[in-house]
Every structure is written in structure tokens, then in C-alpha cells.
Amino acid sequence: MKDFNPIAHLRRYVIIALFSLIAISASTAAQYQVETVATGFDHAWGMAFVPHQRWLLVSERPGQLKRVNRDTGAVTLISGLPDIHVRSQGGLLDIALHPDYPAQPWLYLSYSVRDSGFRQSTTAVGRGILDLEAGLLRDFEELYRAQPAVASNAHYGSRLAFDTEGYVYITVGDRNSKDFGPQHYSQDISNDLGAILRLHDDGRIPADNPFVDDHPASPAIFSYGHRNPQGLAFHPQTGELWENEHGERNGDEINIIQAGGNYGWPIATYGVSYMTGRPFAVTPPENPDTVNPVYYWGPDHPEGFPPSGLAFYFGEAFPEWQGNLLMGNLRHQYLGRFSVDGHTVEKTERLLSGRGWRIRDVGVGPDDGLVYVLIDQSNAPLVRLRPVE
């Protein structure tokens, strides 16, 4: 009988384990091909599928709204937009159709607006009646303007999402304030910055918002302590509101939003200072008054995940992705796929890596289950992922 060699035995075990992991990955990772739907987009930012039709609406940050035929790739402009402050990170941002469209023919826009002076701007949300045939947004009205306006052209937040009861949620960034500490905009609920707001579909404040009776709190606030939230979506099965946001020097987060929750920025964060590389606050678990993220990228992560649009996958085209979370990565230029089991999130796969595309938004076609992707660059394509035939 040969002598037992523990090193060789361990090596064989490791090799078997690695091959097993590769086999599991191969069996669960769907093969996809990339198809160009249309081209020539200028820093596309948000999308909305028109129910029971093959139209897709796309917003462009420089202030244009486009109608795209998903079959032919034909693109036409829609007019009737409000005055929009287009500078740096500001412009026309997210779009969403009323959940009862076309019975309620409203298209909602989030966008940056100039306020009390040329250098003062803020995030606004408004709506107009969408006339698809005429290519026109009629009777546009501003519903809400986040206060205060500040001298910054960054961190507008600006994602929109409707719940099943018809309330609309709007993310507002912290406007890139570096006044770290409890006095920061995001920790001061008397203003709308660094918060997620909740409104009736006509802009009224819901009577059951968490801070309605807490003067001088802003009654529109649903949650606060956010830095720059750029992804927002309801889980189709649980009804929970999921959000992602940019941290500082990593510290990027995925959160599940609770009414009245304080998400910590900047008094509890995994991020560190851009200038010094050092922590300036405790981590979220160390502060019992803040809500912990369900997933985060710490300062020691080699890349971080500067996030944008997110969507849950429950289509039929990619059965291997059922229940997964898809999320755009800007700086590192890929679409992240994450497995989700309750509140446990694991990064699973990089999609569209190596193409040099800043992924700004992602959506799932309600009628075809294909994955549509917007790219935040000039003269960029709108693409979709479909299974390899």
C-alpha cells in the first residue's frame, strides 16, 4: 500500500472542487448574444416600455426624449418637454409611465432645474400627457421641486419608481456636499436632499408618509441618509423597494428601503475620503440608528461598483436568471448580474464586459423577456441581450 500523501490529496481535492465550481457556473450561466436595437443616442439615461406595444421611450441627459420602435429601430423625437438645466450631471434624467397607462396617459420625468440663480439648481419631477401618435408631451406640469436648490451640478439622484398603489418614489442626491457629519444635508430631514421622496401620482403629499407630522421635517421624505441613489425598483414578488447608490471611494451600496429609514450617509458608511483614503465615519453596523445595506463594496475592494439603473429579472428568455438582480456599472463598464435569495445578495456574473460601455440603465422587455441596456456615452447604441439560438 502506498504511503498517504496529504499534500497530493489536498491538491486533488482542490482540483476537483474547482472543476465542480466551473461545471456549476457553466450550467447556470446563460449564453447570450448582443443585438443592436437602435443607434445614435446621446448619453441615454432612462427608459420606459409602452404597455402592449413595441415602443420604448428613452431619455437623453442633454434634454431629448425619444420614441424607439423595438422591431425596426426607428427613432423619433418627442417634443413638449419643460425647461431643463443641462450641465455636468444634470439634465433630463429618468422617465416612467403611469402604472395605469393608457387609461392614465401620463409620462413622468425627473430632471434638473435652475432655481433662484444661474448657479442654483435642484431635482424636479413633473408629468405630461403622452401623445405617441403626434410625438408630443402635452400639458406638462411640474409636480415637485426638491429643496433647497444649491450651487452644484452633481448628485441629482433622480430615479423614479411606482408601487402597486400608484405612489411615485423619486431619489434625490446629496448634491455632492462634503460637509460630512450630522449637519450634512442627507441627515437633515428638514430638506429633501439625500432622500427618497414619496408622492401621490398628482404630486400631493401622502398623509401616511413617515415624517408628515414631524415639523420641520419635509413631509415628502420616505427615507433619508442617501448619497447619490441612481437605481430604484420594486421587487415583483415581495413588493420591497430596492435601491443602489454611489459611495465615496467605494462604499457603494444596495439597500432595501424602509419607511422612515436612515441609510447612514455620511455618518455611517463603508466609504472613505477621496482626498485622504481614510475613514471619516463608523460603518453602518456600528451605528444602531441606521439601516445596513444588503450588499456593499468596501474601501479595500479593488474596483467598487459605481452603480446606476437596476432591474429584477423574471422573464422567460433566460430561465437561468430567474429572480436575479441586474445592475449597471458605470466606471468599470459592465452589467452586473446578482443572485438574490431573500435579502442575501451574491455577485454572479459580468455581462457586456470589455466593450467599453458605461451602463446607465437596464430594463426587461415585458413581452419578450429580453434585457435592454442603455449606454451613457455620445453616439451610443441601445442594445438588448437575447439567448444564443
Protein backbone atom coordinates (compact mmCIF):
# COMPACT_ATOMS: atom_id res chain seq x y z
CA MET A 1 0.00 0.00 0.00
CA LYS A 2 1.36 3.41 -0.95
CA ASP A 3 2.03 5.97 1.76
CA PHE A 4 -0.72 8.60 2.18
CA ASN A 5 0.45 11.96 0.86
CA PRO A 6 -1.66 14.72 2.45
CA ILE A 7 -0.35 17.42 0.07
CA ALA A 8 -1.23 15.40 -3.01
CA HIS A 9 -4.61 14.54 -1.50
CA LEU A 10 -5.32 18.21 -0.81
CA ARG A 11 -4.23 19.13 -4.32
CA ARG A 12 -6.61 16.57 -5.83
CA TYR A 13 -9.42 17.87 -3.61
CA VAL A 14 -8.81 21.45 -4.71
CA ILE A 15 -8.74 20.44 -8.39
CA ILE A 16 -11.99 18.50 -8.05
CA ALA A 17 -13.62 21.41 -6.23
CA LEU A 18 -12.53 23.88 -8.89
CA PHE A 19 -13.85 21.71 -11.70
CA SER A 20 -17.12 21.33 -9.78
CA LEU A 21 -17.44 25.10 -9.46
CA ILE A 22 -16.71 25.53 -13.16
CA ALA A 23 -19.34 22.93 -14.01
CA ILE A 24 -21.90 24.60 -11.76
CA SER A 25 -21.10 28.01 -13.30
CA ALA A 26 -21.40 26.61 -16.81
CA SER A 27 -24.74 25.03 -16.01
CA THR A 28 -26.24 28.21 -14.50
CA ALA A 29 -24.75 30.93 -16.72
CA ALA A 30 -26.95 31.61 -19.74
CA GLN A 31 -25.33 32.14 -23.12
CA TYR A 32 -26.42 35.42 -24.66
CA GLN A 33 -25.89 37.41 -27.81
CA VAL A 34 -25.92 41.18 -28.11
CA GLU A 35 -28.26 42.78 -30.60
CA THR A 36 -28.33 46.45 -31.56
CA VAL A 37 -31.87 47.85 -31.44
CA ALA A 38 -31.07 51.43 -32.50
CA THR A 39 -28.08 53.75 -32.62
CA GLY A 40 -27.10 57.39 -32.19
CA PHE A 41 -28.14 58.05 -28.58
CA ASP A 42 -26.55 60.93 -26.69
CA HIS A 43 -25.93 59.98 -23.04
CA ALA A 44 -29.13 57.97 -22.65
CA TRP A 45 -30.35 57.89 -19.05
CA GLY A 46 -33.75 56.23 -18.55
CA MET A 47 -36.23 54.01 -20.38
CA ALA A 48 -39.92 53.13 -20.22
CA PHE A 49 -41.70 50.33 -22.10
CA VAL A 50 -45.09 51.30 -23.56
CA PRO A 51 -47.53 48.57 -22.46
CA HIS A 52 -48.88 46.22 -25.15
CA GLN A 53 -46.89 47.98 -27.85
CA ARG A 54 -43.41 47.64 -29.28
CA TRP A 55 -42.45 51.20 -28.39
CA LEU A 56 -39.68 52.03 -25.95
CA LEU A 57 -39.22 55.56 -24.62
CA VAL A 58 -35.65 56.74 -23.95
CA SER A 59 -34.47 59.91 -22.21
CA GLU A 60 -31.16 61.57 -23.03
CA ARG A 61 -29.43 63.72 -20.43
CA PRO A 62 -28.79 66.66 -22.84
CA GLY A 63 -32.56 67.19 -22.91
CA GLN A 64 -34.14 64.95 -25.53
CA LEU A 65 -36.89 62.32 -25.30
CA LYS A 66 -37.10 59.66 -28.00
CA ARG A 67 -39.57 57.02 -29.13
CA VAL A 68 -37.94 53.80 -30.36
CA ASN A 69 -39.57 51.03 -32.37
CA ARG A 70 -38.10 47.86 -30.86
CA ASP A 71 -38.69 45.91 -34.10
CA THR A 72 -37.41 48.31 -36.76
CA GLY A 73 -35.07 50.51 -34.70
CA ALA A 74 -36.79 53.65 -35.99
CA VAL A 75 -36.23 56.62 -33.65
CA THR A 76 -38.34 59.78 -33.45
CA LEU A 77 -38.18 62.79 -31.15
CA ILE A 78 -40.97 63.67 -28.71
CA SER A 79 -41.47 67.38 -28.10
CA GLY A 80 -43.17 69.31 -25.31
CA LEU A 81 -40.50 68.96 -22.63
CA PRO A 82 -40.09 71.53 -19.82
CA ASP A 83 -37.12 73.86 -19.40
CA ILE A 84 -34.24 71.67 -18.24
CA HIS A 85 -30.93 72.64 -16.65
CA VAL A 86 -28.34 70.72 -18.68
CA ARG A 87 -24.92 70.94 -17.09
CA SER A 88 -22.41 68.33 -15.87
CA GLN A 89 -24.51 65.54 -14.25
CA GLY A 90 -27.74 67.49 -14.69
CA GLY A 91 -30.29 67.31 -17.49
CA LEU A 92 -33.23 65.14 -18.46
CA LEU A 93 -32.87 62.07 -16.28
CA ASP A 94 -35.38 59.30 -15.56
CA ILE A 95 -38.79 58.61 -17.11
CA ALA A 96 -41.76 56.45 -16.08
CA LEU A 97 -45.25 55.85 -17.41
CA HIS A 98 -48.22 55.94 -15.05
CA PRO A 99 -48.92 52.35 -13.93
CA ASP A 100 -52.48 52.64 -15.37
CA TYR A 101 -51.30 53.82 -18.78
CA PRO A 102 -53.02 54.30 -21.25
CA ALA A 103 -56.15 54.89 -19.12
CA GLN A 104 -53.98 57.43 -17.28
CA PRO A 105 -51.84 58.72 -20.18
CA TRP A 106 -49.21 60.45 -18.05
CA LEU A 107 -45.48 60.25 -18.67
CA TYR A 108 -43.37 61.30 -15.65
CA LEU A 109 -39.97 62.94 -15.98
CA SER A 110 -37.27 63.66 -13.43
CA TYR A 111 -34.84 66.39 -14.40
CA SER A 112 -32.63 69.14 -13.07
CA VAL A 113 -33.91 72.70 -13.00
CA ARG A 114 -32.38 76.10 -12.41
CA ASP A 115 -33.77 77.80 -9.34
CA SER A 116 -33.03 81.12 -7.66
CA GLY A 117 -29.95 81.94 -9.67
CA PHE A 118 -27.82 80.74 -12.55
CA ARG A 119 -25.67 78.59 -10.25
CA GLN A 120 -28.55 77.25 -8.15
CA SER A 121 -30.21 74.01 -9.30
CA THR A 122 -32.16 71.08 -7.95
CA THR A 123 -34.08 67.93 -8.89
CA ALA A 124 -37.68 68.20 -10.08
CA VAL A 125 -40.36 65.74 -11.14
CA GLY A 126 -43.23 66.52 -13.49
CA ARG A 127 -45.67 64.89 -15.87
CA GLY A 128 -47.34 65.42 -19.21
CA ILE A 129 -49.93 63.63 -21.32
CA LEU A 130 -48.12 61.38 -23.78
CA ASP A 131 -49.44 61.61 -27.33
CA LEU A 132 -47.46 58.90 -29.08
CA GLU A 133 -49.01 59.42 -32.50
CA ALA A 134 -48.22 63.13 -32.52
CA GLY A 135 -44.82 62.65 -30.86
CA LEU A 136 -45.78 65.17 -28.21
CA LEU A 137 -45.91 65.58 -24.44
CA ARG A 138 -48.98 67.74 -23.80
CA ASP A 139 -49.97 69.90 -20.83
CA PHE A 140 -46.74 69.37 -18.91
CA GLU A 141 -46.84 70.28 -15.22
CA GLU A 142 -44.15 70.32 -12.58
CA LEU A 143 -45.29 68.27 -9.58
CA TYR A 144 -42.49 68.71 -7.05
CA ARG A 145 -39.18 70.53 -6.75
CA ALA A 146 -36.67 69.31 -4.16
CA GLN A 147 -35.49 71.97 -1.73
CA PRO A 148 -33.11 73.61 -1.32
CA ALA A 149 -31.53 74.41 -4.67
CA VAL A 150 -27.74 74.60 -4.28
CA ALA A 151 -24.71 75.72 -6.27
CA SER A 152 -23.79 72.27 -7.57
CA ASN A 153 -24.28 70.38 -10.83
CA ALA A 154 -23.74 66.92 -9.35
CA HIS A 155 -25.57 64.17 -7.44
CA TYR A 156 -29.14 64.78 -8.57
CA GLY A 157 -30.12 61.15 -7.93
CA SER A 158 -33.34 61.18 -9.95
CA ARG A 159 -34.65 57.61 -10.38
CA LEU A 160 -38.42 57.10 -10.49
CA ALA A 161 -40.50 54.07 -9.45
CA PHE A 162 -44.21 53.43 -8.93
CA ASP A 163 -45.59 50.98 -6.37
CA THR A 164 -48.73 48.88 -6.83
CA GLU A 165 -50.86 51.52 -5.07
CA GLY A 166 -49.90 54.25 -7.52
CA TYR A 167 -47.46 56.20 -5.34
CA VAL A 168 -44.39 57.52 -7.12
CA TYR A 169 -40.94 57.45 -5.49
CA ILE A 170 -38.13 59.81 -6.51
CA THR A 171 -34.49 59.63 -5.48
CA VAL A 172 -32.67 62.89 -4.74
CA GLY A 173 -28.89 63.01 -4.31
CA ASP A 174 -26.92 64.89 -1.67
CA ARG A 175 -25.67 67.34 -4.37
CA ASN A 176 -22.09 66.27 -3.64
CA SER A 177 -21.89 68.08 -0.32
CA LYS A 178 -18.60 67.45 1.53
CA ASP A 179 -19.87 68.79 4.84
CA PHE A 180 -19.51 65.36 6.47
CA GLY A 181 -21.12 64.87 9.83
CA PRO A 182 -24.60 65.06 11.39
CA GLN A 183 -25.19 68.52 9.88
CA HIS A 184 -24.96 67.14 6.33
CA TYR A 185 -27.98 67.59 4.00
CA SER A 186 -28.61 63.83 3.98
CA GLN A 187 -29.00 63.76 7.78
CA ASP A 188 -31.22 66.85 7.94
CA ILE A 189 -34.81 65.84 7.25
CA SER A 190 -35.95 69.45 7.06
CA ASN A 191 -34.71 69.39 3.43
CA ASP A 192 -35.24 66.99 0.51
CA LEU A 193 -31.60 66.29 -0.39
CA GLY A 194 -30.04 62.85 0.04
CA ALA A 195 -33.50 61.32 0.33
CA ILE A 196 -36.12 59.20 -1.39
CA LEU A 197 -39.39 61.10 -1.73
CA ARG A 198 -42.90 59.61 -1.98
CA LEU A 199 -45.81 61.40 -3.67
CA HIS A 200 -49.29 60.75 -4.96
CA ASP A 201 -49.37 60.48 -8.74
CA ASP A 202 -50.56 64.11 -8.92
CA GLY A 203 -47.77 65.43 -6.67
CA ARG A 204 -49.71 65.64 -3.40
CA ILE A 205 -48.01 64.50 -0.18
CA PRO A 206 -49.41 61.18 1.12
CA ALA A 207 -50.92 61.50 4.58
CA ASP A 208 -49.09 58.38 5.78
CA ASN A 209 -45.57 59.46 4.79
CA PRO A 210 -43.30 58.81 7.79
CA PHE A 211 -42.47 62.45 8.63
CA VAL A 212 -45.74 64.18 7.77
CA ASP A 213 -46.39 65.18 11.39
CA ASP A 214 -42.76 65.87 12.35
CA HIS A 215 -42.31 69.61 11.79
CA PRO A 216 -39.94 70.95 10.46
CA ALA A 217 -39.27 67.71 8.52
CA SER A 218 -40.05 67.68 4.81
CA PRO A 219 -43.32 65.73 4.54
CA ALA A 220 -42.31 64.29 1.15
CA ILE A 221 -39.41 62.24 2.62
CA PHE A 222 -39.82 58.46 2.69
CA SER A 223 -36.20 57.59 3.62
CA TYR A 224 -33.00 59.59 4.08
CA GLY A 225 -29.26 59.27 4.63
CA HIS A 226 -28.55 58.60 0.94
CA ARG A 227 -25.60 59.86 -1.09
CA ASN A 228 -26.43 59.56 -4.81
CA PRO A 229 -29.12 56.94 -5.48
CA GLN A 230 -29.27 56.05 -9.17
CA GLY A 231 -31.09 52.72 -9.17
CA LEU A 232 -34.62 52.09 -7.88
CA ALA A 233 -37.01 49.19 -8.45
CA PHE A 234 -39.71 47.23 -6.67
CA HIS A 235 -39.20 43.50 -6.32
CA PRO A 236 -42.03 41.95 -8.38
CA GLN A 237 -42.69 39.17 -5.85
CA THR A 238 -42.03 40.71 -2.42
CA GLY A 239 -43.07 44.29 -3.19
CA GLU A 240 -39.94 45.59 -1.43
CA LEU A 241 -38.28 48.72 -2.76
CA TRP A 242 -34.63 48.12 -3.71
CA GLU A 243 -32.15 50.93 -4.31
CA ASN A 244 -28.50 51.35 -5.18
CA GLU A 245 -26.28 54.35 -4.57
CA HIS A 246 -22.76 55.62 -5.09
CA GLY A 247 -20.44 55.71 -2.10
CA GLU A 248 -17.29 57.74 -1.68
CA ARG A 249 -14.16 55.88 -2.79
CA ASN A 250 -16.12 52.65 -2.95
CA GLY A 251 -18.73 52.38 -0.23
CA ASP A 252 -21.26 51.67 -2.99
CA GLU A 253 -24.42 50.03 -1.64
CA ILE A 254 -27.53 48.02 -2.44
CA ASN A 255 -30.34 48.76 0.01
CA ILE A 256 -33.87 47.64 0.76
CA ILE A 257 -35.82 50.76 1.63
CA GLN A 258 -37.86 51.06 4.83
CA ALA A 259 -40.31 53.88 5.53
CA GLY A 260 -38.52 56.46 7.70
CA GLY A 261 -35.20 54.61 7.48
CA ASN A 262 -31.86 56.41 7.89
CA TYR A 263 -29.35 54.87 5.47
CA GLY A 264 -26.38 56.44 7.16
CA TRP A 265 -24.68 58.77 4.71
CA PRO A 266 -22.32 60.32 5.76
CA ILE A 267 -22.32 59.34 9.48
CA ALA A 268 -22.26 55.58 8.81
CA THR A 269 -20.62 54.35 5.61
CA TYR A 270 -18.20 51.80 4.20
CA GLY A 271 -16.64 54.54 2.05
CA VAL A 272 -13.54 56.54 2.81
CA SER A 273 -12.42 60.05 1.86
CA TYR A 274 -11.43 60.61 -1.76
CA MET A 275 -8.78 63.05 -0.53
CA THR A 276 -7.14 61.09 2.28
CA GLY A 277 -8.20 57.48 1.74
CA ARG A 278 -9.15 57.35 5.42
CA PRO A 279 -12.48 56.64 7.12
CA PHE A 280 -14.46 59.65 8.33
CA ALA A 281 -17.34 57.73 9.90
CA VAL A 282 -18.20 54.41 11.52
CA THR A 283 -19.54 51.58 9.38
CA PRO A 284 -23.33 51.05 9.28
CA PRO A 285 -23.36 48.09 11.71
CA GLU A 286 -21.63 50.30 14.29
CA ASN A 287 -24.48 52.81 14.27
CA PRO A 288 -27.72 51.24 15.58
CA ASP A 289 -29.78 54.15 14.28
CA THR A 290 -29.00 53.44 10.61
CA VAL A 291 -30.13 50.72 8.21
CA ASN A 292 -27.44 48.34 6.96
CA PRO A 293 -27.10 47.71 3.21
CA VAL A 294 -27.84 44.20 1.97
CA TYR A 295 -24.69 44.39 -0.17
CA TYR A 296 -21.77 46.81 -0.29
CA TRP A 297 -18.30 47.41 -1.71
CA GLY A 298 -15.78 48.36 0.97
CA PRO A 299 -12.71 50.61 0.61
CA ASP A 300 -10.42 47.60 0.18
CA HIS A 301 -12.36 46.34 -2.84
CA PRO A 302 -10.13 46.59 -5.93
CA GLU A 303 -12.82 48.26 -8.04
CA GLY A 304 -16.04 49.13 -6.26
CA PHE A 305 -19.22 49.27 -8.28
CA PRO A 306 -20.32 52.77 -9.30
CA PRO A 307 -23.96 51.78 -9.87
CA SER A 308 -26.83 53.00 -11.96
CA GLY A 309 -30.17 51.54 -13.11
CA LEU A 310 -31.33 48.22 -11.68
CA ALA A 311 -33.98 45.68 -12.64
CA PHE A 312 -35.15 42.30 -11.40
CA TYR A 313 -35.29 39.51 -13.96
CA PHE A 314 -38.46 37.39 -14.06
CA GLY A 315 -38.71 36.92 -17.84
CA GLU A 316 -38.85 33.67 -19.78
CA ALA A 317 -35.98 34.23 -22.22
CA PHE A 318 -33.28 33.50 -19.60
CA PRO A 319 -34.69 30.93 -17.15
CA GLU A 320 -31.25 30.65 -15.51
CA TRP A 321 -31.57 34.28 -14.38
CA GLN A 322 -34.94 33.96 -12.67
CA GLY A 323 -35.09 36.25 -9.63
CA ASN A 324 -31.68 37.78 -10.36
CA LEU A 325 -30.84 41.45 -9.97
CA LEU A 326 -29.30 43.23 -12.98
CA MET A 327 -27.41 46.44 -12.29
CA GLY A 328 -25.46 48.87 -14.47
CA ASN A 329 -21.83 49.63 -13.71
CA LEU A 330 -20.60 53.00 -14.94
CA ARG A 331 -16.87 53.35 -14.35
CA HIS A 332 -15.97 49.69 -14.88
CA GLN A 333 -18.30 49.38 -17.85
CA TYR A 334 -20.32 46.21 -17.50
CA LEU A 335 -23.73 44.92 -16.49
CA GLY A 336 -23.63 43.10 -13.17
CA ARG A 337 -25.79 40.04 -12.50
CA PHE A 338 -26.52 39.20 -8.86
CA SER A 339 -28.32 36.24 -7.37
CA VAL A 340 -30.94 37.13 -4.76
CA ASP A 341 -32.22 34.80 -2.04
CA GLY A 342 -34.45 36.81 0.26
CA HIS A 343 -32.12 39.56 1.46
CA THR A 344 -28.94 37.64 0.60
CA VAL A 345 -27.21 39.02 -2.49
CA GLU A 346 -24.23 37.49 -4.29
CA LYS A 347 -22.41 38.82 -7.32
CA THR A 348 -22.67 36.17 -10.03
CA GLU A 349 -21.51 37.38 -13.42
CA ARG A 350 -20.23 40.29 -15.50
CA LEU A 351 -22.22 40.83 -18.67
CA LEU A 352 -21.12 43.05 -21.58
CA SER A 353 -17.65 43.34 -20.10
CA GLY A 354 -14.82 44.54 -22.33
CA ARG A 355 -16.98 46.63 -24.67
CA GLY A 356 -16.14 49.99 -23.08
CA TRP A 357 -19.79 50.79 -22.33
CA ARG A 358 -20.86 52.83 -19.31
CA ILE A 359 -24.11 51.07 -18.42
CA ARG A 360 -26.63 53.69 -17.31
CA ASP A 361 -29.92 51.76 -17.25
CA VAL A 362 -31.28 48.27 -17.72
CA GLY A 363 -34.81 47.01 -18.30
CA VAL A 364 -36.60 43.76 -19.08
CA GLY A 365 -38.97 43.68 -22.03
CA PRO A 366 -42.43 42.90 -20.60
CA ASP A 367 -43.44 40.99 -23.73
CA ASP A 368 -40.23 39.27 -24.80
CA GLY A 369 -38.17 38.83 -21.61
CA LEU A 370 -35.11 40.26 -23.33
CA VAL A 371 -32.71 42.55 -21.45
CA TYR A 372 -32.47 46.12 -22.80
CA VAL A 373 -29.44 48.24 -21.94
CA LEU A 374 -28.76 51.99 -22.19
CA ILE A 375 -25.22 53.31 -22.56
CA ASP A 376 -24.16 56.67 -21.13
CA GLN A 377 -21.94 57.90 -23.95
CA SER A 378 -22.30 60.01 -27.08
CA ASN A 379 -23.43 58.35 -30.31
CA ALA A 380 -24.16 55.16 -28.37
CA PRO A 381 -26.36 52.20 -29.26
CA LEU A 382 -29.40 50.84 -27.47
CA VAL A 383 -28.74 47.10 -27.18
CA ARG A 384 -30.57 44.03 -25.94
CA LEU A 385 -29.44 40.64 -24.77
CA ARG A 386 -31.16 37.57 -26.16
CA PRO A 387 -30.36 33.87 -25.72
CA VAL A 388 -27.97 32.25 -28.17
CA GLU A 389 -30.09 30.30 -30.65
